[in-house]
Amino acid sequence: MEVPSSNRWQEITLSRMERLEKLIESRLINEADYVFSLDVDTKFYGRWGSESLGRLIGVIHPGYYQASREQFPYERRPESQAFIPHAEGDYYYGGAVIGGLVKDVYEAAKTCREQLDIDAAKSIEAAWQEESHLNRYFLYNKPSKVLSPEYLWQDFKAHTNEVKIIRFSQVIKNYAAVRPN
């Protein structure tokens, strides 16, 4: 699916849930059992198989898998639809991967898009755009399967003792070459 360019990368990520919702409505609802939305600036390094399938899949963000809840970059402003109170939250999920059964991913994408629209109408942009809304969604609609950061690493991060296999990773980017701003 081609995504139009924007002067702000945030605009592209803010429309991710809407694009996913519309793609499922227009094509995938009758063509697939599962759908995964993955960032384009990523690379497969290892096997990614049926172990990743489930009703609704979340992936623990590689930057926060060792962090305490207080360190998670949740949206903390109560006026945002993505708001998560300080005493709540299990994990911090990466927004670069969401997957599962088509109907469950559709519900997540639709709900996040609706909440993004409410925020936009109030001129609010959550701390980490759609990722903040996805974390809110997962707080109250637990994923049926949570994948470790090996399913969403970052190439600029060193390998660790805890994450032995890197299956999928965000690549190092030359931002000047890929972003117009």
Protein backbone atom coordinates (compact mmCIF):
# COMPACT_ATOMS: atom_id res chain seq x y z
CA MET A 1 0.00 0.00 0.00
CA GLU A 2 1.52 3.30 -1.06
CA VAL A 3 1.48 6.02 1.57
CA PRO A 4 1.64 9.65 0.48
CA SER A 5 4.60 11.70 1.68
CA SER A 6 4.24 14.35 4.33
CA ASN A 7 6.35 17.16 5.73
CA ARG A 8 6.03 15.59 9.19
CA TRP A 9 6.67 11.89 9.85
CA GLN A 10 4.11 12.21 12.62
CA GLU A 11 1.37 12.78 10.04
CA ILE A 12 2.20 9.47 8.38
CA THR A 13 2.15 7.54 11.63
CA LEU A 14 -1.02 9.32 12.78
CA SER A 15 -2.87 7.97 9.74
CA ARG A 16 -1.62 4.37 10.13
CA MET A 17 -4.72 3.15 11.97
CA GLU A 18 -7.06 4.74 9.46
CA ARG A 19 -5.19 3.15 6.54
CA LEU A 20 -5.25 -0.24 8.26
CA GLU A 21 -8.96 0.08 9.05
CA LYS A 22 -9.82 1.00 5.44
CA LEU A 23 -7.61 -1.76 3.97
CA ILE A 24 -9.34 -4.36 6.11
CA GLU A 25 -12.79 -2.99 5.21
CA SER A 26 -12.10 -2.81 1.49
CA ARG A 27 -10.11 -6.00 0.90
CA LEU A 28 -8.87 -8.11 3.74
CA ILE A 29 -12.11 -8.82 5.59
CA ASN A 30 -12.98 -11.51 3.04
CA GLU A 31 -9.47 -12.39 1.81
CA ALA A 32 -7.43 -13.23 4.90
CA ASP A 33 -7.62 -14.80 8.33
CA TYR A 34 -4.67 -12.87 9.80
CA VAL A 35 -3.13 -9.48 9.13
CA PHE A 36 0.08 -7.89 10.37
CA SER A 37 0.94 -4.24 9.97
CA LEU A 38 4.71 -3.72 10.03
CA ASP A 39 6.78 -0.56 9.63
CA VAL A 40 8.38 -0.35 6.22
CA ASP A 41 11.78 0.64 7.63
CA THR A 42 12.36 -2.81 9.08
CA LYS A 43 14.13 -6.01 8.11
CA PHE A 44 13.57 -9.70 8.80
CA TYR A 45 16.68 -11.37 10.24
CA GLY A 46 15.26 -14.59 11.63
CA ARG A 47 12.34 -16.93 11.33
CA TRP A 48 8.94 -15.47 12.08
CA GLY A 49 6.35 -18.20 12.01
CA SER A 50 3.11 -19.55 13.40
CA GLU A 51 4.30 -18.94 16.96
CA SER A 52 3.40 -15.30 16.36
CA LEU A 53 -0.23 -16.00 15.47
CA GLY A 54 -3.07 -15.26 17.83
CA ARG A 55 -6.27 -13.31 18.16
CA LEU A 56 -4.50 -9.99 18.80
CA ILE A 57 -0.73 -9.56 18.93
CA GLY A 58 1.32 -6.91 20.69
CA VAL A 59 5.11 -6.64 20.70
CA ILE A 60 7.05 -5.29 23.66
CA HIS A 61 8.98 -2.18 22.63
CA PRO A 62 12.73 -2.89 22.62
CA GLY A 63 13.50 0.39 24.31
CA TYR A 64 11.35 -0.36 27.36
CA TYR A 65 11.39 -4.12 27.98
CA GLN A 66 13.70 -3.63 30.96
CA ALA A 67 12.09 -0.39 32.16
CA SER A 68 9.68 0.08 35.03
CA ARG A 69 6.14 1.33 34.44
CA GLU A 70 7.16 4.80 35.63
CA GLN A 71 9.63 5.01 32.74
CA PHE A 72 7.14 4.06 30.01
CA PRO A 73 6.44 7.00 27.67
CA TYR A 74 2.67 6.63 27.95
CA GLU A 75 0.46 9.61 27.19
CA ARG A 76 -0.01 11.17 30.63
CA ARG A 77 -2.31 14.11 29.79
CA PRO A 78 -5.86 13.26 30.94
CA GLU A 79 -7.36 15.34 28.13
CA SER A 80 -6.03 12.87 25.53
CA GLN A 81 -7.97 9.74 24.59
CA ALA A 82 -4.63 7.89 24.86
CA PHE A 83 -4.24 8.81 28.55
CA ILE A 84 -2.87 6.11 30.84
CA PRO A 85 -2.72 6.92 34.58
CA HIS A 86 0.64 6.56 36.34
CA ALA A 87 -0.48 3.54 38.37
CA GLU A 88 -1.62 1.54 35.33
CA GLY A 89 0.01 -0.32 32.47
CA ASP A 90 1.66 -3.70 32.06
CA TYR A 91 4.07 -3.25 29.17
CA TYR A 92 5.02 -0.61 26.66
CA TYR A 93 4.13 -1.92 23.21
CA GLY A 94 5.80 -0.85 20.00
CA GLY A 95 3.56 0.66 17.36
CA ALA A 96 5.65 -0.69 14.48
CA VAL A 97 3.95 -4.11 14.73
CA ILE A 98 0.32 -5.02 15.27
CA GLY A 99 -1.28 -8.22 14.10
CA GLY A 100 -3.73 -11.00 14.64
CA LEU A 101 -7.10 -12.11 13.36
CA VAL A 102 -8.45 -9.66 10.80
CA LYS A 103 -11.57 -8.88 12.86
CA ASP A 104 -9.58 -8.20 16.04
CA VAL A 105 -6.97 -6.03 14.33
CA TYR A 106 -9.83 -4.18 12.63
CA GLU A 107 -11.46 -3.44 15.98
CA ALA A 108 -8.17 -2.19 17.42
CA ALA A 109 -7.43 -0.02 14.38
CA LYS A 110 -10.97 1.39 14.29
CA THR A 111 -10.97 2.21 18.00
CA CYS A 112 -7.53 3.84 17.82
CA ARG A 113 -8.56 5.83 14.73
CA GLU A 114 -11.72 7.06 16.47
CA GLN A 115 -9.70 8.14 19.50
CA LEU A 116 -7.11 9.82 17.28
CA ASP A 117 -9.95 11.72 15.59
CA ILE A 118 -11.33 12.89 18.95
CA ASP A 119 -7.88 14.10 19.97
CA ALA A 120 -7.35 15.84 16.61
CA ALA A 121 -10.66 17.68 17.02
CA LYS A 122 -9.27 19.02 20.32
CA SER A 123 -5.86 19.80 18.73
CA ILE A 124 -4.17 17.11 20.81
CA GLU A 125 -1.39 14.92 19.47
CA ALA A 126 -0.53 12.09 21.84
CA ALA A 127 3.07 11.75 22.98
CA TRP A 128 3.85 8.95 20.51
CA GLN A 129 0.94 9.37 18.07
CA GLU A 130 -0.77 6.07 17.20
CA GLU A 131 1.62 4.10 19.43
CA SER A 132 0.19 5.94 22.45
CA HIS A 133 -3.35 5.06 21.39
CA LEU A 134 -2.35 1.44 20.76
CA ASN A 135 -0.89 1.23 24.27
CA ARG A 136 -4.15 2.58 25.68
CA TYR A 137 -6.12 0.05 23.63
CA PHE A 138 -3.94 -2.83 24.86
CA LEU A 139 -4.29 -1.67 28.46
CA TYR A 140 -8.06 -2.30 28.37
CA ASN A 141 -8.14 -4.94 25.59
CA LYS A 142 -5.27 -7.24 26.43
CA PRO A 143 -3.49 -8.84 23.48
CA SER A 144 -4.00 -12.59 23.33
CA LYS A 145 -0.27 -12.95 22.68
CA VAL A 146 2.62 -10.69 23.64
CA LEU A 147 5.78 -11.11 21.60
CA SER A 148 9.21 -10.31 22.99
CA PRO A 149 11.41 -7.53 21.60
CA GLU A 150 13.11 -10.08 19.33
CA TYR A 151 10.10 -9.42 17.05
CA LEU A 152 10.80 -5.68 16.98
CA TRP A 153 14.42 -4.86 17.67
CA GLN A 154 16.29 -1.73 16.60
CA ASP A 155 19.49 -2.15 14.56
CA PHE A 156 21.19 0.67 16.44
CA LYS A 157 20.78 -1.20 19.76
CA ALA A 158 23.45 -3.60 20.95
CA HIS A 159 22.50 -7.24 21.31
CA THR A 160 21.73 -8.25 24.88
CA ASN A 161 21.85 -11.43 26.95
CA GLU A 162 18.05 -11.41 27.27
CA VAL A 163 17.28 -11.13 23.55
CA LYS A 164 19.33 -13.83 21.87
CA ILE A 165 17.64 -13.95 18.46
CA ILE A 166 16.72 -10.88 16.46
CA ARG A 167 13.84 -11.84 14.20
CA PHE A 168 12.71 -8.43 13.00
CA SER A 169 14.36 -5.05 13.46
CA GLN A 170 14.02 -1.41 12.61
CA VAL A 171 16.93 -0.47 10.34
CA ILE A 172 19.22 2.50 10.74
CA LYS A 173 17.93 5.22 8.47
CA ASN A 174 19.46 8.11 6.63
CA TYR A 175 16.69 10.55 7.55
CA ALA A 176 17.94 13.17 5.11
CA ALA A 177 17.35 10.69 2.28
CA VAL A 178 13.93 9.41 3.36
CA ARG A 179 12.20 12.40 4.91
CA PRO A 180 11.42 15.67 3.16
CA ASN A 181 11.70 17.64 6.43
